[in-house]
Amino acid sequence: MSRRLRQFTIRGAMIAVAIAALLAAALRSGWPGADGSYEVLKDIRVPATPPGGSGPQKTPMNYKEAYSQGRKEAEAEWKGVSANIYTYGPRNLSREDLDEETGLPYRAIAGFVVDEEIEGLADGHNGRIRELIRERGLPPGSFKAWRKELADLPGLFAARAKVRRPQRLTVGGPPLTSPDGRQTVRLVASRMLDAASGRVVEVHSLAVGDINNKNFNIITLNIYNNDIDLVWGPDDSGFAVVRNKVGSLTLYQSIDLERGRTLTKSAE
């Protein structure tokens, strides 16, 4: 079987995401109002189309063309202070979402079955990012300086809690503003169809965005009650850590405040 015939690439994945988002939109009714009812949650959007695109059909690129495209995307990310490391396959199953060498977040562009276009995009993109780092040093948005702390979220949470008291996030409550006044984090609830059970379930997410709440991203959380605690990372670190207790388990999740995505997870 040729690579072209192995179809689970990012296009199929994004189609599935879009369908799930549409189902969620149909069933979702937002975060609770003051009376406990649900208001329409208007600000959760379908994720933007990633590399390779899931929009109108186009002629697939060969490896060389994709490699060149990947390098262009790397340069655009660098200028936009949003550099990532493209990944696919088993790497996507890891609980670690940071590249150890660069400290940059991983960005999945495909599943387990890929073609030469995906390989070319990843190789070209990641190669160019590493070239730029050698030429200019680590870019803004690299968490390499905090790699040790982010690998020990319970210890990091405890240490930051001594500096500033943890803040409570509650569904329907006010957003929390970062100490530098640039970012906000709020806990929102939505309702969507659980494909396994066929039931409508409540899903909790973090809405992470700028102070004007115009540019934000949604991070889905594996939490089972309405209240979680948050501590802000060190000054200029660009991250926060949330903690949620579920029975005998305590779950931790570090979040990238600029990109609005998960960095690392742990449980104890």
Protein backbone atom coordinates (compact mmCIF):
# COMPACT_ATOMS: atom_id res chain seq x y z
CA MET A 1 0.00 0.00 0.00
CA SER A 2 1.40 3.40 -0.95
CA ARG A 3 1.80 6.18 1.55
CA ARG A 4 -0.90 8.16 -0.23
CA LEU A 5 -3.43 5.48 0.57
CA ARG A 6 -2.75 5.62 4.27
CA GLN A 7 -5.34 8.21 5.02
CA PHE A 8 -5.25 9.11 8.69
CA THR A 9 -3.48 12.42 8.30
CA ILE A 10 -4.29 15.75 9.84
CA ARG A 11 -7.11 16.30 7.33
CA GLY A 12 -9.08 13.38 8.69
CA ALA A 13 -8.31 14.39 12.24
CA MET A 14 -9.52 17.94 11.67
CA ILE A 15 -12.71 16.75 10.00
CA ALA A 16 -13.41 14.70 13.12
CA VAL A 17 -12.67 17.74 15.30
CA ALA A 18 -15.00 19.90 13.23
CA ILE A 19 -17.83 17.34 13.45
CA ALA A 20 -17.36 17.05 17.21
CA ALA A 21 -17.38 20.82 17.52
CA LEU A 22 -20.62 21.08 15.55
CA LEU A 23 -22.25 18.43 17.75
CA ALA A 24 -21.01 20.24 20.81
CA ALA A 25 -22.34 23.54 19.52
CA ALA A 26 -25.75 22.00 19.01
CA LEU A 27 -25.87 20.56 22.52
CA ARG A 28 -23.78 23.05 24.39
CA SER A 29 -25.43 25.72 26.47
CA GLY A 30 -22.54 27.51 28.10
CA TRP A 31 -21.58 28.43 31.61
CA PRO A 32 -24.06 28.86 34.47
CA GLY A 33 -25.70 32.20 34.98
CA ALA A 34 -26.32 33.72 38.38
CA ASP A 35 -29.39 31.55 38.86
CA GLY A 36 -27.52 28.35 37.99
CA SER A 37 -29.02 28.09 34.52
CA TYR A 38 -26.87 27.90 31.41
CA GLU A 39 -26.22 30.75 29.05
CA VAL A 40 -25.08 30.34 25.47
CA LEU A 41 -21.33 29.90 25.29
CA LYS A 42 -20.55 31.94 22.20
CA ASP A 43 -16.80 32.18 22.39
CA ILE A 44 -15.61 28.62 21.85
CA ARG A 45 -14.43 28.31 18.29
CA VAL A 46 -13.37 25.44 16.03
CA PRO A 47 -9.52 25.37 16.04
CA ALA A 48 -7.79 27.10 13.16
CA THR A 49 -6.72 24.95 10.23
CA PRO A 50 -3.23 23.53 10.94
CA PRO A 51 -0.40 22.83 8.48
CA GLY A 52 -1.56 20.70 5.60
CA GLY A 53 -5.03 22.23 5.88
CA SER A 54 -8.47 20.63 6.01
CA GLY A 55 -10.17 23.20 3.81
CA PRO A 56 -10.83 22.90 0.07
CA GLN A 57 -9.13 19.94 -1.60
CA LYS A 58 -5.74 20.73 -3.07
CA THR A 59 -3.05 18.83 -4.89
CA PRO A 60 -0.89 16.99 -2.32
CA MET A 61 2.69 18.21 -2.07
CA ASN A 62 5.62 15.91 -2.59
CA TYR A 63 8.34 15.73 0.06
CA LYS A 64 10.50 18.46 -1.46
CA GLU A 65 7.58 20.88 -1.85
CA ALA A 66 6.36 20.17 1.67
CA TYR A 67 9.86 20.59 3.06
CA SER A 68 10.05 24.05 1.53
CA GLN A 69 6.58 24.91 2.86
CA GLY A 70 7.57 23.74 6.33
CA ARG A 71 10.56 26.08 6.35
CA LYS A 72 8.33 29.00 5.37
CA GLU A 73 5.91 28.18 8.18
CA ALA A 74 8.81 28.05 10.65
CA GLU A 75 9.97 31.51 9.64
CA ALA A 76 6.43 32.91 9.94
CA GLU A 77 6.08 31.40 13.42
CA TRP A 78 9.42 32.84 14.47
CA LYS A 79 8.39 36.34 13.40
CA GLY A 80 5.03 35.92 15.16
CA VAL A 81 6.66 34.73 18.40
CA SER A 82 4.73 31.46 18.19
CA ALA A 83 7.37 28.87 17.33
CA ASN A 84 6.42 25.20 17.79
CA ILE A 85 7.91 21.80 17.03
CA TYR A 86 5.79 19.79 14.56
CA THR A 87 5.15 16.20 15.54
CA TYR A 88 3.15 13.13 14.53
CA GLY A 89 2.81 9.45 15.45
CA PRO A 90 3.68 8.03 18.92
CA ARG A 91 4.94 11.41 20.12
CA ASN A 92 1.29 12.52 20.26
CA LEU A 93 0.54 9.99 23.03
CA SER A 94 3.11 11.40 25.43
CA ARG A 95 2.03 13.26 28.53
CA GLU A 96 4.83 15.69 27.79
CA ASP A 97 3.96 18.49 25.37
CA LEU A 98 7.36 20.19 25.38
CA ASP A 99 10.40 19.46 23.24
CA GLU A 100 13.31 18.82 25.58
CA GLU A 101 15.97 20.23 23.25
CA THR A 102 14.30 23.55 22.46
CA GLY A 103 11.72 24.00 25.23
CA LEU A 104 9.10 24.71 22.55
CA PRO A 105 5.61 23.18 22.63
CA TYR A 106 4.82 20.27 20.34
CA ARG A 107 2.16 20.81 17.68
CA ALA A 108 0.60 17.63 16.29
CA ILE A 109 0.14 17.80 12.52
CA ALA A 110 -0.87 14.16 11.92
CA GLY A 111 -1.74 10.87 13.56
CA PHE A 112 0.04 7.54 13.15
CA VAL A 113 -0.30 7.16 9.39
CA VAL A 114 1.47 9.83 7.39
CA ASP A 115 2.54 10.57 3.84
CA GLU A 116 5.51 12.34 2.35
CA GLU A 117 3.75 15.70 2.64
CA ILE A 118 3.48 15.39 6.42
CA GLU A 119 7.06 14.13 6.70
CA GLY A 120 8.30 16.96 4.51
CA LEU A 121 6.41 19.62 6.48
CA ALA A 122 7.77 18.34 9.80
CA ASP A 123 11.34 17.93 8.61
CA GLY A 124 11.47 21.30 6.88
CA HIS A 125 9.75 23.15 9.69
CA ASN A 126 11.67 21.62 12.58
CA GLY A 127 14.97 21.84 10.75
CA ARG A 128 14.48 25.55 10.11
CA ILE A 129 13.43 26.21 13.72
CA ARG A 130 16.64 24.57 14.95
CA GLU A 131 18.70 26.54 12.43
CA LEU A 132 17.18 29.78 13.71
CA ILE A 133 17.92 28.80 17.29
CA ARG A 134 21.57 28.14 16.42
CA GLU A 135 21.74 31.50 14.64
CA ARG A 136 19.80 33.65 17.09
CA GLY A 137 19.32 31.73 20.33
CA LEU A 138 16.10 30.48 21.91
CA PRO A 139 12.99 32.42 20.84
CA PRO A 140 10.42 34.03 23.13
CA GLY A 141 7.98 31.32 24.10
CA SER A 142 10.64 28.70 24.81
CA PHE A 143 10.21 27.05 28.21
CA LYS A 144 13.63 25.44 28.31
CA ALA A 145 14.67 27.59 31.27
CA TRP A 146 11.73 26.14 33.23
CA ARG A 147 12.04 22.53 32.08
CA LYS A 148 13.02 21.23 35.52
CA GLU A 149 10.16 23.02 37.29
CA LEU A 150 7.58 21.96 34.71
CA ALA A 151 8.63 18.34 35.16
CA ASP A 152 7.61 18.50 38.85
CA LEU A 153 4.20 20.14 38.89
CA PRO A 154 3.29 19.22 42.51
CA GLY A 155 6.56 20.76 43.70
CA LEU A 156 6.12 23.78 41.44
CA PHE A 157 2.57 24.37 42.63
CA ALA A 158 3.64 24.16 46.29
CA ALA A 159 6.55 26.54 45.72
CA ARG A 160 4.45 29.12 43.88
CA ALA A 161 1.68 28.86 46.51
CA LYS A 162 4.20 30.15 49.07
CA VAL A 163 4.86 33.22 46.92
CA ARG A 164 1.25 34.02 46.09
CA ARG A 165 -1.89 32.39 47.45
CA PRO A 166 -3.59 30.05 44.94
CA GLN A 167 -6.65 31.52 43.26
CA ARG A 168 -9.90 29.63 42.83
CA LEU A 169 -11.45 29.17 39.38
CA THR A 170 -15.20 28.47 39.40
CA VAL A 171 -17.59 27.89 36.53
CA GLY A 172 -19.50 31.12 36.07
CA GLY A 173 -17.01 33.01 38.22
CA PRO A 174 -14.90 35.99 37.16
CA PRO A 175 -11.75 35.51 35.06
CA LEU A 176 -8.38 35.61 36.77
CA THR A 177 -5.86 38.14 35.49
CA SER A 178 -2.15 37.36 35.32
CA PRO A 179 0.18 39.42 37.55
CA ASP A 180 1.52 41.32 34.52
CA GLY A 181 -2.04 42.23 33.52
CA ARG A 182 -1.73 40.73 30.02
CA GLN A 183 -3.62 37.44 30.17
CA THR A 184 -6.84 36.10 31.65
CA VAL A 185 -7.93 32.59 32.58
CA ARG A 186 -11.50 31.55 33.28
CA LEU A 187 -13.27 28.25 33.82
CA VAL A 188 -16.16 27.54 31.46
CA ALA A 189 -18.58 24.65 31.10
CA SER A 190 -20.13 23.30 27.95
CA ARG A 191 -22.34 20.36 27.09
CA MET A 192 -21.56 17.88 24.35
CA LEU A 193 -22.43 14.40 23.18
CA ASP A 194 -20.34 11.56 24.63
CA ALA A 195 -19.93 9.18 21.69
CA ALA A 196 -19.30 6.16 23.94
CA SER A 197 -22.42 6.46 26.10
CA GLY A 198 -24.67 8.49 23.80
CA ARG A 199 -25.36 10.87 26.69
CA VAL A 200 -24.96 14.61 26.90
CA VAL A 201 -22.15 15.36 29.35
CA GLU A 202 -20.69 18.49 30.86
CA VAL A 203 -17.14 19.36 29.87
CA HIS A 204 -14.97 21.86 31.71
CA SER A 205 -12.42 23.97 29.88
CA LEU A 206 -10.06 26.84 30.48
CA ALA A 207 -10.53 29.91 28.31
CA VAL A 208 -7.07 31.49 28.12
CA GLY A 209 -6.74 34.83 26.38
CA ASP A 210 -5.58 38.41 26.41
CA ILE A 211 -6.87 40.99 28.82
CA ASN A 212 -9.49 42.17 26.31
CA ASN A 213 -10.73 38.58 25.89
CA LYS A 214 -10.54 38.94 22.11
CA ASN A 215 -7.77 36.47 21.33
CA PHE A 216 -8.10 33.27 23.29
CA ASN A 217 -7.80 29.51 23.14
CA ILE A 218 -9.74 26.74 24.83
CA ILE A 219 -8.04 24.01 26.88
CA THR A 220 -10.23 21.03 27.78
CA LEU A 221 -9.61 19.75 31.31
CA ASN A 222 -10.01 16.28 32.75
CA ILE A 223 -11.80 17.54 35.83
CA TYR A 224 -14.94 16.37 37.55
CA ASN A 225 -16.00 19.23 39.77
CA ASN A 226 -16.51 22.94 39.35
CA ASP A 227 -13.59 24.27 41.35
CA ILE A 228 -9.90 24.23 40.58
CA ASP A 229 -6.99 26.23 41.98
CA LEU A 230 -4.46 28.18 39.94
CA VAL A 231 -1.00 29.56 40.66
CA TRP A 232 0.90 31.86 38.33
CA GLY A 233 4.41 30.93 37.27
CA PRO A 234 7.46 33.07 38.02
CA ASP A 235 7.63 36.54 36.47
CA ASP A 236 8.10 36.42 32.69
CA SER A 237 7.72 32.62 32.67
CA GLY A 238 4.56 32.74 30.55
CA PHE A 239 2.79 29.84 32.28
CA ALA A 240 0.41 28.98 35.09
CA VAL A 241 -0.40 25.72 36.90
CA VAL A 242 -3.88 24.46 37.75
CA ARG A 243 -4.71 21.85 40.39
CA ASN A 244 -7.86 19.79 40.77
CA LYS A 245 -8.64 17.15 43.39
CA VAL A 246 -10.69 14.15 42.28
CA GLY A 247 -11.26 11.66 45.09
CA SER A 248 -7.85 10.50 46.24
CA LEU A 249 -6.15 11.89 43.13
CA THR A 250 -4.71 15.36 42.70
CA LEU A 251 -4.30 16.41 39.07
CA TYR A 252 -1.92 19.11 37.85
CA GLN A 253 -1.70 20.79 34.47
CA SER A 254 0.65 23.57 33.35
CA ILE A 255 -0.65 25.93 30.67
CA ASP A 256 1.02 28.20 28.15
CA LEU A 257 -0.61 31.59 28.66
CA GLU A 258 0.48 32.99 25.29
CA ARG A 259 -0.56 30.08 23.06
CA GLY A 260 -3.38 28.83 25.29
CA ARG A 261 -2.37 25.17 25.42
CA THR A 262 -1.21 22.45 27.80
CA LEU A 263 2.51 22.16 28.52
CA THR A 264 2.83 19.29 31.02
CA LYS A 265 0.53 17.12 33.18
CA SER A 266 0.95 15.01 36.30
CA ALA A 267 -1.07 13.30 39.02
CA GLU A 268 -0.39 12.18 42.57
